[in-house]
Amino acid sequence: MVRNWLGIAAISILSLLLLVIVAMQVTGLIDVLAPIADTGLQQWTVIGVLAIAVLAIAGWGWSAILS
């Protein structure tokens, strides 16, 4: 049971971290993606890839919890 809750906690932390980074990136407070993405389209592509990775980890975690 503790392992399941740790999985949920890890997914929540990753999701909130991604949300905070995206919010600060969009508002211009930080420019984390500058070394790897110059244009706006490249930055949104990187954000999309990160979001898909978080969703994949969340799906894997939920499937482990439900089974």
N, C-alpha and C. Protein backbone atom coordinates (compact mmCIF):
# COMPACT_ATOMS: atom_id res chain seq x y z
N MET A 1 0.82 -1.19 0.00
CA MET A 1 0.00 0.00 0.00
C MET A 1 0.87 1.26 0.00
N VAL A 2 1.93 1.25 0.76
CA VAL A 2 2.83 2.41 0.82
C VAL A 2 3.48 2.63 -0.54
N ARG A 3 3.82 1.54 -1.22
CA ARG A 3 4.43 1.65 -2.54
C ARG A 3 3.48 2.34 -3.53
N ASN A 4 2.19 2.03 -3.43
CA ASN A 4 1.21 2.67 -4.31
C ASN A 4 1.14 4.17 -4.04
N TRP A 5 1.14 4.55 -2.77
CA TRP A 5 1.06 5.97 -2.44
C TRP A 5 2.34 6.70 -2.84
N LEU A 6 3.48 6.04 -2.78
CA LEU A 6 4.72 6.66 -3.24
C LEU A 6 4.69 6.88 -4.74
N GLY A 7 4.10 5.95 -5.47
CA GLY A 7 3.94 6.13 -6.91
C GLY A 7 3.06 7.32 -7.24
N ILE A 8 1.97 7.46 -6.54
CA ILE A 8 1.07 8.61 -6.74
C ILE A 8 1.79 9.91 -6.38
N ALA A 9 2.55 9.89 -5.32
CA ALA A 9 3.29 11.09 -4.91
C ALA A 9 4.32 11.48 -5.97
N ALA A 10 5.04 10.51 -6.51
CA ALA A 10 6.04 10.80 -7.53
C ALA A 10 5.40 11.39 -8.79
N ILE A 11 4.28 10.83 -9.19
CA ILE A 11 3.58 11.34 -10.36
C ILE A 11 3.08 12.76 -10.10
N SER A 12 2.56 13.01 -8.92
CA SER A 12 2.08 14.35 -8.58
C SER A 12 3.21 15.37 -8.57
N ILE A 13 4.33 14.99 -8.02
CA ILE A 13 5.47 15.91 -7.97
C ILE A 13 5.97 16.22 -9.37
N LEU A 14 6.10 15.21 -10.23
CA LEU A 14 6.55 15.45 -11.60
C LEU A 14 5.57 16.33 -12.37
N SER A 15 4.28 16.08 -12.18
CA SER A 15 3.26 16.88 -12.87
C SER A 15 3.30 18.33 -12.43
N LEU A 16 3.37 18.56 -11.14
CA LEU A 16 3.43 19.94 -10.64
C LEU A 16 4.71 20.65 -11.03
N LEU A 17 5.82 19.93 -11.04
CA LEU A 17 7.09 20.52 -11.47
C LEU A 17 7.02 20.93 -12.93
N LEU A 18 6.47 20.08 -13.78
CA LEU A 18 6.32 20.42 -15.19
C LEU A 18 5.38 21.62 -15.36
N LEU A 19 4.29 21.65 -14.61
CA LEU A 19 3.35 22.76 -14.69
C LEU A 19 4.01 24.08 -14.30
N VAL A 20 4.80 24.07 -13.24
CA VAL A 20 5.47 25.29 -12.79
C VAL A 20 6.50 25.75 -13.81
N ILE A 21 7.27 24.83 -14.36
CA ILE A 21 8.28 25.20 -15.36
C ILE A 21 7.62 25.76 -16.61
N VAL A 22 6.54 25.14 -17.06
CA VAL A 22 5.82 25.64 -18.24
C VAL A 22 5.24 27.02 -17.96
N ALA A 23 4.64 27.22 -16.81
CA ALA A 23 4.05 28.52 -16.48
C ALA A 23 5.11 29.61 -16.44
N MET A 24 6.26 29.33 -15.85
CA MET A 24 7.33 30.34 -15.79
C MET A 24 7.95 30.56 -17.17
N GLN A 25 8.03 29.51 -17.97
CA GLN A 25 8.58 29.64 -19.32
C GLN A 25 7.66 30.50 -20.20
N VAL A 26 6.35 30.25 -20.11
CA VAL A 26 5.40 30.98 -20.95
C VAL A 26 5.33 32.46 -20.56
N THR A 27 5.39 32.75 -19.28
CA THR A 27 5.32 34.15 -18.84
C THR A 27 6.64 34.89 -19.00
N GLY A 28 7.72 34.18 -19.27
CA GLY A 28 9.01 34.83 -19.50
C GLY A 28 9.85 35.01 -18.26
N LEU A 29 9.45 34.42 -17.15
CA LEU A 29 10.26 34.54 -15.93
C LEU A 29 11.58 33.79 -16.03
N ILE A 30 11.56 32.68 -16.73
CA ILE A 30 12.78 31.90 -16.94
C ILE A 30 12.88 31.54 -18.42
N ASP A 31 14.06 31.16 -18.84
CA ASP A 31 14.27 30.72 -20.22
C ASP A 31 15.08 29.42 -20.20
N VAL A 32 14.48 28.40 -19.62
CA VAL A 32 15.15 27.11 -19.44
C VAL A 32 15.42 26.43 -20.78
N LEU A 33 14.52 26.61 -21.72
CA LEU A 33 14.62 25.89 -22.98
C LEU A 33 15.51 26.57 -24.01
N ALA A 34 16.13 27.69 -23.68
CA ALA A 34 16.95 28.43 -24.63
C ALA A 34 18.09 27.61 -25.22
N PRO A 35 18.81 26.78 -24.46
CA PRO A 35 19.91 26.03 -25.06
C PRO A 35 19.47 24.99 -26.09
N ILE A 36 18.25 24.49 -25.99
CA ILE A 36 17.84 23.42 -26.90
C ILE A 36 16.73 23.82 -27.86
N ALA A 37 16.04 24.93 -27.63
CA ALA A 37 14.93 25.35 -28.48
C ALA A 37 14.95 26.87 -28.63
N ASP A 38 15.13 27.33 -29.87
CA ASP A 38 15.21 28.77 -30.11
C ASP A 38 13.86 29.40 -30.39
N THR A 39 13.07 28.78 -31.25
CA THR A 39 11.79 29.37 -31.65
C THR A 39 10.67 28.92 -30.72
N GLY A 40 9.54 29.60 -30.84
CA GLY A 40 8.38 29.24 -30.03
C GLY A 40 7.86 27.85 -30.33
N LEU A 41 7.88 27.47 -31.62
CA LEU A 41 7.41 26.14 -32.00
C LEU A 41 8.30 25.05 -31.39
N GLN A 42 9.59 25.26 -31.39
CA GLN A 42 10.51 24.29 -30.78
C GLN A 42 10.27 24.19 -29.28
N GLN A 43 10.03 25.31 -28.63
CA GLN A 43 9.77 25.29 -27.19
C GLN A 43 8.49 24.54 -26.88
N TRP A 44 7.43 24.77 -27.66
CA TRP A 44 6.17 24.05 -27.43
C TRP A 44 6.33 22.57 -27.73
N THR A 45 7.19 22.23 -28.68
CA THR A 45 7.46 20.82 -28.97
C THR A 45 8.13 20.15 -27.78
N VAL A 46 9.11 20.82 -27.19
CA VAL A 46 9.79 20.27 -26.02
C VAL A 46 8.81 20.13 -24.85
N ILE A 47 7.96 21.12 -24.65
CA ILE A 47 6.96 21.05 -23.58
C ILE A 47 6.00 19.90 -23.83
N GLY A 48 5.60 19.71 -25.09
CA GLY A 48 4.71 18.60 -25.44
C GLY A 48 5.34 17.24 -25.17
N VAL A 49 6.61 17.11 -25.51
CA VAL A 49 7.33 15.85 -25.26
C VAL A 49 7.42 15.58 -23.76
N LEU A 50 7.71 16.61 -22.98
CA LEU A 50 7.76 16.45 -21.53
C LEU A 50 6.40 16.07 -20.96
N ALA A 51 5.33 16.68 -21.49
CA ALA A 51 3.99 16.35 -21.03
C ALA A 51 3.63 14.90 -21.37
N ILE A 52 4.00 14.44 -22.56
CA ILE A 52 3.75 13.05 -22.93
C ILE A 52 4.53 12.10 -22.04
N ALA A 53 5.76 12.47 -21.69
CA ALA A 53 6.56 11.63 -20.79
C ALA A 53 5.91 11.53 -19.41
N VAL A 54 5.41 12.65 -18.89
CA VAL A 54 4.74 12.62 -17.59
C VAL A 54 3.47 11.78 -17.67
N LEU A 55 2.71 11.91 -18.76
CA LEU A 55 1.50 11.09 -18.93
C LEU A 55 1.83 9.61 -19.03
N ALA A 56 2.93 9.28 -19.70
CA ALA A 56 3.34 7.88 -19.80
C ALA A 56 3.72 7.33 -18.43
N ILE A 57 4.45 8.10 -17.65
CA ILE A 57 4.82 7.67 -16.30
C ILE A 57 3.57 7.54 -15.43
N ALA A 58 2.64 8.49 -15.59
CA ALA A 58 1.40 8.41 -14.81
C ALA A 58 0.59 7.18 -15.19
N GLY A 59 0.49 6.88 -16.47
CA GLY A 59 -0.24 5.69 -16.91
C GLY A 59 0.38 4.42 -16.41
N TRP A 60 1.72 4.36 -16.44
CA TRP A 60 2.43 3.20 -15.94
C TRP A 60 2.21 3.05 -14.43
N GLY A 61 2.23 4.17 -13.73
CA GLY A 61 2.01 4.13 -12.28
C GLY A 61 0.60 3.71 -11.92
N TRP A 62 -0.38 4.22 -12.64
CA TRP A 62 -1.78 3.87 -12.36
C TRP A 62 -2.06 2.41 -12.70
N SER A 63 -1.44 1.91 -13.79
CA SER A 63 -1.66 0.50 -14.12
C SER A 63 -1.05 -0.41 -13.06
N ALA A 64 0.05 0.01 -12.48
CA ALA A 64 0.66 -0.78 -11.40
C ALA A 64 -0.19 -0.74 -10.14
N ILE A 65 -0.83 0.41 -9.90
CA ILE A 65 -1.66 0.55 -8.69
C ILE A 65 -2.95 -0.28 -8.83
N LEU A 66 -3.57 -0.23 -10.02
CA LEU A 66 -4.85 -0.91 -10.22
C LEU A 66 -4.73 -2.42 -10.29
N SER A 67 -3.56 -2.93 -10.65
CA SER A 67 -3.43 -4.39 -10.77
C SER A 67 -2.93 -5.02 -9.50
